[in-house]
PDB file of N, CA and C in Angstrom:
ATOM      1  N   UNK A   1       1.114  -1.217  -0.009  1.00  0.00           N
ATOM      2  CA  UNK A   1       0.064   0.029   0.202  1.00  0.00           C
ATOM      3  C   UNK A   1       1.049   1.455  -0.215  1.00  0.00           C
ATOM      4  N   UNK A   2       0.464   2.332  -0.814  1.00  0.00           N
ATOM      5  CA  UNK A   2       1.126   3.550  -0.871  1.00  0.00           C
ATOM      6  C   UNK A   2       0.474   4.493  -0.045  1.00  0.00           C
ATOM      7  N   UNK A   3       1.397   5.926   0.283  1.00  0.00           N
ATOM      8  CA  UNK A   3       0.451   6.836   0.865  1.00  0.00           C
ATOM      9  C   UNK A   3       0.664   7.996  -0.003  1.00  0.00           C
ATOM     10  N   UNK A   4       0.098   9.111  -0.117  1.00  0.00           N
ATOM     11  CA  UNK A   4       0.430  10.190  -0.681  1.00  0.00           C
ATOM     12  C   UNK A   4       1.316  11.104   0.064  1.00  0.00           C
ATOM     13  N   UNK A   5       2.546  12.142  -0.474  1.00  0.00           N
ATOM     14  CA  UNK A   5       3.045  12.779   0.273  1.00  0.00           C
ATOM     15  C   UNK A   5       3.247  14.214  -0.827  1.00  0.00           C
ATOM     16  N   UNK A   6       2.895  15.082  -0.205  1.00  0.00           N
ATOM     17  CA  UNK A   6       2.938  16.507  -0.975  1.00  0.00           C
ATOM     18  C   UNK A   6       4.281  17.461  -0.428  1.00  0.00           C
ATOM     19  N   UNK A   7       4.145  18.276  -1.222  1.00  0.00           N
ATOM     20  CA  UNK A   7       5.264  18.737  -0.890  1.00  0.00           C
ATOM     21  C   UNK A   7       5.228  20.050  -1.736  1.00  0.00           C
ATOM     22  N   UNK A   8       5.555  21.566  -1.099  1.00  0.00           N
ATOM     23  CA  UNK A   8       6.135  22.774  -1.259  1.00  0.00           C
ATOM     24  C   UNK A   8       7.011  22.981  -1.967  1.00  0.00           C
ATOM     25  N   UNK A   9       7.445  23.208  -3.304  1.00  0.00           N
ATOM     26  CA  UNK A   9       8.520  24.029  -3.298  1.00  0.00           C
ATOM     27  C   UNK A   9       8.340  25.386  -4.264  1.00  0.00           C
ATOM     28  N   UNK A  10       9.431  25.981  -4.643  1.00  0.00           N
ATOM     29  CA  UNK A  10       9.098  27.310  -5.216  1.00  0.00           C
ATOM     30  C   UNK A  10       8.982  27.139  -6.837  1.00  0.00           C
ATOM     31  N   UNK A  11       7.941  27.983  -7.569  1.00  0.00           N
ATOM     32  CA  UNK A  11       7.728  28.103  -8.652  1.00  0.00           C
ATOM     33  C   UNK A  11       8.155  27.661  -9.908  1.00  0.00           C
ATOM     34  N   UNK A  12       9.598  28.268  -9.273  1.00  0.00           N
ATOM     35  CA  UNK A  12      10.793  28.172 -10.199  1.00  0.00           C
ATOM     36  C   UNK A  12      11.174  27.043 -10.576  1.00  0.00           C
ATOM     37  N   UNK A  13      11.505  26.161  -8.970  1.00  0.00           N
ATOM     38  CA  UNK A  13      11.761  25.215  -9.253  1.00  0.00           C
ATOM     39  C   UNK A  13      11.164  24.017 -10.180  1.00  0.00           C
ATOM     40  N   UNK A  14       9.679  24.137  -9.897  1.00  0.00           N
ATOM     41  CA  UNK A  14       9.093  23.145 -10.664  1.00  0.00           C
ATOM     42  C   UNK A  14       9.210  23.814 -12.559  1.00  0.00           C
ATOM     43  N   UNK A  15       8.942  24.655 -12.381  1.00  0.00           N
ATOM     44  CA  UNK A  15       9.078  25.050 -14.010  1.00  0.00           C
ATOM     45  C   UNK A  15      10.440  24.417 -14.577  1.00  0.00           C
ATOM     46  N   UNK A  16      11.973  24.437 -13.921  1.00  0.00           N
ATOM     47  CA  UNK A  16      12.867  24.229 -14.432  1.00  0.00           C
ATOM     48  C   UNK A  16      12.872  22.218 -14.668  1.00  0.00           C
ATOM     49  N   UNK A  17      12.366  21.634 -13.723  1.00  0.00           N
ATOM     50  CA  UNK A  17      12.575  20.852 -13.823  1.00  0.00           C
ATOM     51  C   UNK A  17      11.291  19.959 -14.660  1.00  0.00           C
ATOM     52  N   UNK A  18      10.342  21.080 -15.090  1.00  0.00           N
ATOM     53  CA  UNK A  18       9.630  20.108 -16.418  1.00  0.00           C
ATOM     54  C   UNK A  18      10.244  20.958 -17.576  1.00  0.00           C
ATOM     55  N   UNK A  19      10.674  21.799 -17.972  1.00  0.00           N
ATOM     56  CA  UNK A  19      11.567  22.077 -18.225  1.00  0.00           C
ATOM     57  C   UNK A  19      12.749  21.207 -19.256  1.00  0.00           C
ATOM     58  N   UNK A  20      13.109  20.418 -18.625  1.00  0.00           N
ATOM     59  CA  UNK A  20      13.915  19.465 -18.564  1.00  0.00           C
ATOM     60  C   UNK A  20      13.567  18.292 -18.636  1.00  0.00           C
ATOM     61  N   UNK A  21      12.493  17.846 -18.570  1.00  0.00           N
ATOM     62  CA  UNK A  21      11.369  17.084 -19.188  1.00  0.00           C
ATOM     63  C   UNK A  21      12.115  16.075 -17.673  1.00  0.00           C
ATOM     64  N   UNK A  22      12.191  16.357 -16.461  1.00  0.00           N
ATOM     65  CA  UNK A  22      12.098  15.387 -15.259  1.00  0.00           C
ATOM     66  C   UNK A  22      10.905  15.268 -14.884  1.00  0.00           C
ATOM     67  N   UNK A  23      10.632  13.823 -14.766  1.00  0.00           N
ATOM     68  CA  UNK A  23       9.527  13.438 -13.938  1.00  0.00           C
ATOM     69  C   UNK A  23       9.509  13.762 -12.305  1.00  0.00           C
ATOM     70  N   UNK A  24       8.756  14.505 -11.885  1.00  0.00           N
ATOM     71  CA  UNK A  24       9.157  14.839 -10.395  1.00  0.00           C
ATOM     72  C   UNK A  24       8.527  14.089  -9.696  1.00  0.00           C
ATOM     73  N   UNK A  25       7.555  13.379  -9.956  1.00  0.00           N
ATOM     74  CA  UNK A  25       7.119  12.233  -9.042  1.00  0.00           C
ATOM     75  C   UNK A  25       8.148  11.205  -8.747  1.00  0.00           C
ATOM     76  N   UNK A  26       8.660  10.578  -9.803  1.00  0.00           N
ATOM     77  CA  UNK A  26       9.507   9.372 -10.050  1.00  0.00           C
ATOM     78  C   UNK A  26      10.537   9.667  -9.322  1.00  0.00           C
ATOM     79  N   UNK A  27      11.524  11.071  -9.597  1.00  0.00           N
ATOM     80  CA  UNK A  27      12.805  11.623  -8.884  1.00  0.00           C
ATOM     81  C   UNK A  27      12.791  11.590  -7.393  1.00  0.00           C
ATOM     82  N   UNK A  28      10.957  11.993  -7.185  1.00  0.00           N
ATOM     83  CA  UNK A  28      10.881  12.264  -5.269  1.00  0.00           C
ATOM     84  C   UNK A  28      10.482  11.051  -4.500  1.00  0.00           C
ATOM     85  N   UNK A  29      10.116  10.208  -5.862  1.00  0.00           N
ATOM     86  CA  UNK A  29      10.083   8.511  -5.256  1.00  0.00           C
ATOM     87  C   UNK A  29      10.989   7.849  -5.062  1.00  0.00           C
ATOM     88  N   UNK A  30      12.287   8.133  -5.853  1.00  0.00           N
ATOM     89  CA  UNK A  30      13.129   7.378  -5.637  1.00  0.00           C
ATOM     90  C   UNK A  30      14.658   7.975  -4.928  1.00  0.00           C
ATOM     91  N   UNK A  31      14.470   9.011  -4.413  1.00  0.00           N
ATOM     92  CA  UNK A  31      15.048   9.617  -3.668  1.00  0.00           C
ATOM     93  C   UNK A  31      14.667   9.621  -2.122  1.00  0.00           C
ATOM     94  N   UNK A  32      13.546   9.360  -2.211  1.00  0.00           N
ATOM     95  CA  UNK A  32      13.244   8.970  -0.879  1.00  0.00           C
ATOM     96  C   UNK A  32      13.396   7.587  -0.728  1.00  0.00           C
ATOM     97  N   UNK A  33      13.205   6.710  -1.693  1.00  0.00           N
ATOM     98  CA  UNK A  33      13.431   5.157  -1.190  1.00  0.00           C
ATOM     99  C   UNK A  33      14.816   5.158  -0.878  1.00  0.00           C
ATOM    100  N   UNK A  34      16.095   6.142  -1.757  1.00  0.00           N
ATOM    101  CA  UNK A  34      17.265   5.858  -1.155  1.00  0.00           C
ATOM    102  C   UNK A  34      17.440   6.524   0.094  1.00  0.00           C
ATOM    103  N   UNK A  35      17.182   7.213   0.302  1.00  0.00           N
ATOM    104  CA  UNK A  35      16.986   7.847   1.404  1.00  0.00           C
ATOM    105  C   UNK A  35      16.642   6.496   2.812  1.00  0.00           C
ATOM    106  N   UNK A  36      15.603   6.020   2.455  1.00  0.00           N
ATOM    107  CA  UNK A  36      14.991   5.228   3.681  1.00  0.00           C
ATOM    108  C   UNK A  36      15.918   3.993   3.998  1.00  0.00           C
ATOM    109  N   UNK A  37      16.935   3.656   2.369  1.00  0.00           N
ATOM    110  CA  UNK A  37      17.733   3.182   2.664  1.00  0.00           C
ATOM    111  C   UNK A  37      19.039   2.843   3.126  1.00  0.00           C
ATOM    112  N   UNK A  38      19.221   4.419   2.739  1.00  0.00           N
ATOM    113  CA  UNK A  38      20.917   4.540   3.874  1.00  0.00           C
ATOM    114  C   UNK A  38      20.649   4.873   5.332  1.00  0.00           C
ATOM    115  N   UNK A  39      18.953   5.372   5.587  1.00  0.00           N
ATOM    116  CA  UNK A  39      18.957   5.166   7.113  1.00  0.00           C
ATOM    117  C   UNK A  39      18.491   4.049   7.690  1.00  0.00           C
ATOM    118  N   UNK A  40      18.073   2.957   7.116  1.00  0.00           N
ATOM    119  CA  UNK A  40      18.514   1.626   7.329  1.00  0.00           C
ATOM    120  C   UNK A  40      19.577   0.650   7.318  1.00  0.00           C
ATOM    121  N   UNK A  41      20.780   1.524   6.292  1.00  0.00           N
ATOM    122  CA  UNK A  41      21.808   0.778   6.519  1.00  0.00           C
ATOM    123  C   UNK A  41      23.100   1.438   7.832  1.00  0.00           C
ATOM    124  N   UNK A  42      22.517   2.501   7.947  1.00  0.00           N
ATOM    125  CA  UNK A  42      23.022   3.728   9.396  1.00  0.00           C
ATOM    126  C   UNK A  42      22.512   3.038  10.369  1.00  0.00           C
ATOM    127  N   UNK A  43      21.388   2.561  10.576  1.00  0.00           N
ATOM    128  CA  UNK A  43      20.967   1.722  11.839  1.00  0.00           C
ATOM    129  C   UNK A  43      21.398   0.420  11.784  1.00  0.00           C
ATOM    130  N   UNK A  44      21.349  -0.176  11.098  1.00  0.00           N
ATOM    131  CA  UNK A  44      22.248  -1.784  11.019  1.00  0.00           C
ATOM    132  C   UNK A  44      23.311  -1.378  11.719  1.00  0.00           C
ATOM    133  N   UNK A  45      24.316  -0.880  11.060  1.00  0.00           N
ATOM    134  CA  UNK A  45      25.658  -0.358  11.000  1.00  0.00           C
ATOM    135  C   UNK A  45      26.040  -0.281  12.738  1.00  0.00           C
ATOM    136  N   UNK A  46      24.798   0.806  12.979  1.00  0.00           N
ATOM    137  CA  UNK A  46      24.790   0.877  14.550  1.00  0.00           C
ATOM    138  C   UNK A  46      25.013  -0.202  15.610  1.00  0.00           C
ATOM    139  N   UNK A  47      24.140  -0.950  14.959  1.00  0.00           N
ATOM    140  CA  UNK A  47      23.412  -1.987  15.727  1.00  0.00           C
ATOM    141  C   UNK A  47      24.624  -3.266  15.793  1.00  0.00           C
ATOM    142  N   UNK A  48      25.379  -3.231  14.528  1.00  0.00           N
ATOM    143  CA  UNK A  48      26.137  -4.207  14.166  1.00  0.00           C
ATOM    144  C   UNK A  48      27.571  -3.482  15.318  1.00  0.00           C
ATOM    145  N   UNK A  49      27.911  -2.644  15.257  1.00  0.00           N
ATOM    146  CA  UNK A  49      28.675  -1.860  16.292  1.00  0.00           C
ATOM    147  C   UNK A  49      28.351  -2.508  17.877  1.00  0.00           C
ATOM    148  N   UNK A  50      27.321  -2.168  18.162  1.00  0.00           N
ATOM    149  CA  UNK A  50      26.557  -2.508  19.565  1.00  0.00           C
ATOM    150  C   UNK A  50      27.089  -4.058  19.954  1.00  0.00           C
ATOM    151  N   UNK A  51      26.954  -4.508  18.863  1.00  0.00           N
ATOM    152  CA  UNK A  51      27.088  -6.209  18.778  1.00  0.00           C
ATOM    153  C   UNK A  51      27.864  -6.794  19.050  1.00  0.00           C
ATOM    154  N   UNK A  52      29.058  -6.267  18.480  1.00  0.00           N
ATOM    155  CA  UNK A  52      30.757  -6.485  18.220  1.00  0.00           C
ATOM    156  C   UNK A  52      31.247  -6.220  19.744  1.00  0.00           C
ATOM    157  N   UNK A  53      30.440  -4.548  20.626  1.00  0.00           N
ATOM    158  CA  UNK A  53      31.239  -3.868  21.644  1.00  0.00           C
ATOM    159  C   UNK A  53      30.683  -5.122  22.663  1.00  0.00           C
ATOM    160  N   UNK A  54      29.604  -5.943  22.957  1.00  0.00           N
ATOM    161  CA  UNK A  54      29.491  -6.836  23.525  1.00  0.00           C
ATOM    162  C   UNK A  54      30.064  -7.977  23.329  1.00  0.00           C
ATOM    163  N   UNK A  55      29.957  -8.232  22.233  1.00  0.00           N
ATOM    164  CA  UNK A  55      30.845  -9.922  22.033  1.00  0.00           C
ATOM    165  C   UNK A  55      32.686  -9.344  22.537  1.00  0.00           C
ATOM    166  N   UNK A  56      32.859  -8.517  22.033  1.00  0.00           N
ATOM    167  CA  UNK A  56      34.234  -8.252  22.727  1.00  0.00           C
ATOM    168  C   UNK A  56      34.247  -8.309  24.408  1.00  0.00           C
ATOM    169  N   UNK A  57      33.554  -7.749  24.805  1.00  0.00           N
ATOM    170  CA  UNK A  57      33.430  -8.189  26.644  1.00  0.00           C
ATOM    171  C   UNK A  57      33.063  -9.357  26.620  1.00  0.00           C
ATOM    172  N   UNK A  58      32.771  -9.973  26.007  1.00  0.00           N
ATOM    173  CA  UNK A  58      32.327 -11.488  26.697  1.00  0.00           C
ATOM    174  C   UNK A  58      33.249 -12.478  25.924  1.00  0.00           C
ATOM    175  N   UNK A  59      33.576 -12.120  24.888  1.00  0.00           N
ATOM    176  CA  UNK A  59      35.022 -13.701  24.229  1.00  0.00           C
ATOM    177  C   UNK A  59      36.227 -12.945  24.763  1.00  0.00           C
ATOM    178  N   UNK A  60      37.108 -14.142  25.298  1.00  0.00           N
ATOM    179  CA  UNK A  60      38.520 -13.725  25.226  1.00  0.00           C
ATOM    180  C   UNK A  60      39.297 -14.375  23.978  1.00  0.00           C
ATOM    181  N   UNK A  61      39.893 -13.290  23.467  1.00  0.00           N
ATOM    182  CA  UNK A  61      40.802 -13.739  22.348  1.00  0.00           C
ATOM    183  C   UNK A  61      41.698 -14.835  22.494  1.00  0.00           C
ATOM    184  N   UNK A  62      42.400 -14.757  23.574  1.00  0.00           N
ATOM    185  CA  UNK A  62      43.231 -15.449  23.871  1.00  0.00           C
ATOM    186  C   UNK A  62      42.581 -17.616  23.640  1.00  0.00           C
ATOM    187  N   UNK A  63      41.516 -17.349  24.618  1.00  0.00           N
ATOM    188  CA  UNK A  63      40.409 -18.680  24.519  1.00  0.00           C
ATOM    189  C   UNK A  63      40.121 -18.895  23.179  1.00  0.00           C
ATOM    190  N   UNK A  64      39.675 -18.047  21.906  1.00  0.00           N
ATOM    191  CA  UNK A  64      39.454 -18.310  21.108  1.00  0.00           C
ATOM    192  C   UNK A  64      40.310 -19.196  20.166  1.00  0.00           C
ATOM    193  N   UNK A  65      42.006 -18.559  20.406  1.00  0.00           N
ATOM    194  CA  UNK A  65      43.223 -19.063  20.145  1.00  0.00           C
ATOM    195  C   UNK A  65      43.737 -20.046  20.427  1.00  0.00           C
ATOM    196  N   UNK A  66      42.721 -20.590  21.713  1.00  0.00           N
ATOM    197  CA  UNK A  66      43.109 -21.473  22.177  1.00  0.00           C
ATOM    198  C   UNK A  66      42.657 -22.909  21.238  1.00  0.00           C
ATOM    199  N   UNK A  67      41.334 -22.281  21.445  1.00  0.00           N
ATOM    200  CA  UNK A  67      40.277 -23.490  20.927  1.00  0.00           C
ATOM    201  C   UNK A  67      40.340 -23.816  18.950  1.00  0.00           C
ATOM    202  N   UNK A  68      40.582 -22.678  18.154  1.00  0.00           N
ATOM    203  CA  UNK A  68      41.052 -22.862  16.823  1.00  0.00           C
ATOM    204  C   UNK A  68      42.424 -23.700  16.828  1.00  0.00           C
ATOM    205  N   UNK A  69      43.304 -23.495  17.529  1.00  0.00           N
ATOM    206  CA  UNK A  69      44.689 -24.503  17.752  1.00  0.00           C
ATOM    207  C   UNK A  69      43.678 -25.844  17.868  1.00  0.00           C
ATOM    208  N   UNK A  70      42.882 -26.428  19.124  1.00  0.00           N
ATOM    209  CA  UNK A  70      42.601 -27.540  19.343  1.00  0.00           C
ATOM    210  C   UNK A  70      41.777 -28.156  18.062  1.00  0.00           C
ATOM    211  N   UNK A  71      41.175 -27.456  17.819  1.00  0.00           N
ATOM    212  CA  UNK A  71      40.411 -27.786  16.775  1.00  0.00           C
ATOM    213  C   UNK A  71      41.236 -28.387  15.263  1.00  0.00           C
ATOM    214  N   UNK A  72      42.155 -27.323  15.165  1.00  0.00           N
ATOM    215  CA  UNK A  72      42.822 -27.961  13.893  1.00  0.00           C
ATOM    216  C   UNK A  72      44.103 -28.800  14.189  1.00  0.00           C
ATOM    217  N   UNK A  73      44.373 -29.245  15.414  1.00  0.00           N
ATOM    218  CA  UNK A  73      45.089 -30.568  15.641  1.00  0.00           C
ATOM    219  C   UNK A  73      44.296 -31.800  15.595  1.00  0.00           C
ATOM    220  N   UNK A  74      42.961 -31.641  15.904  1.00  0.00           N
ATOM    221  CA  UNK A  74      41.887 -33.232  15.952  1.00  0.00           C
ATOM    222  C   UNK A  74      41.641 -33.168  14.262  1.00  0.00           C
ATOM    223  N   UNK A  75      41.976 -32.581  13.614  1.00  0.00           N
ATOM    224  CA  UNK A  75      41.516 -32.758  11.982  1.00  0.00           C
ATOM    225  C   UNK A  75      42.634 -33.604  11.710  1.00  0.00           C
TER     226      UNK A  75
END
């Protein structure tokens, strides 16, 4: 389902875009979708950093190295 968003711009902006054959609705739609995706990516980056920070506090790098060595020897 979609919604309608209206925006007020100076008349000269609309006229200039029309003069150059720009599909204003498509342009606005595309830019809004790009911005929403960018915001989602930023949010995911923040969440991944938080998870990484939490895991770094809980996992001992020395213990990981020992477990990797043990696993390699068992092969």
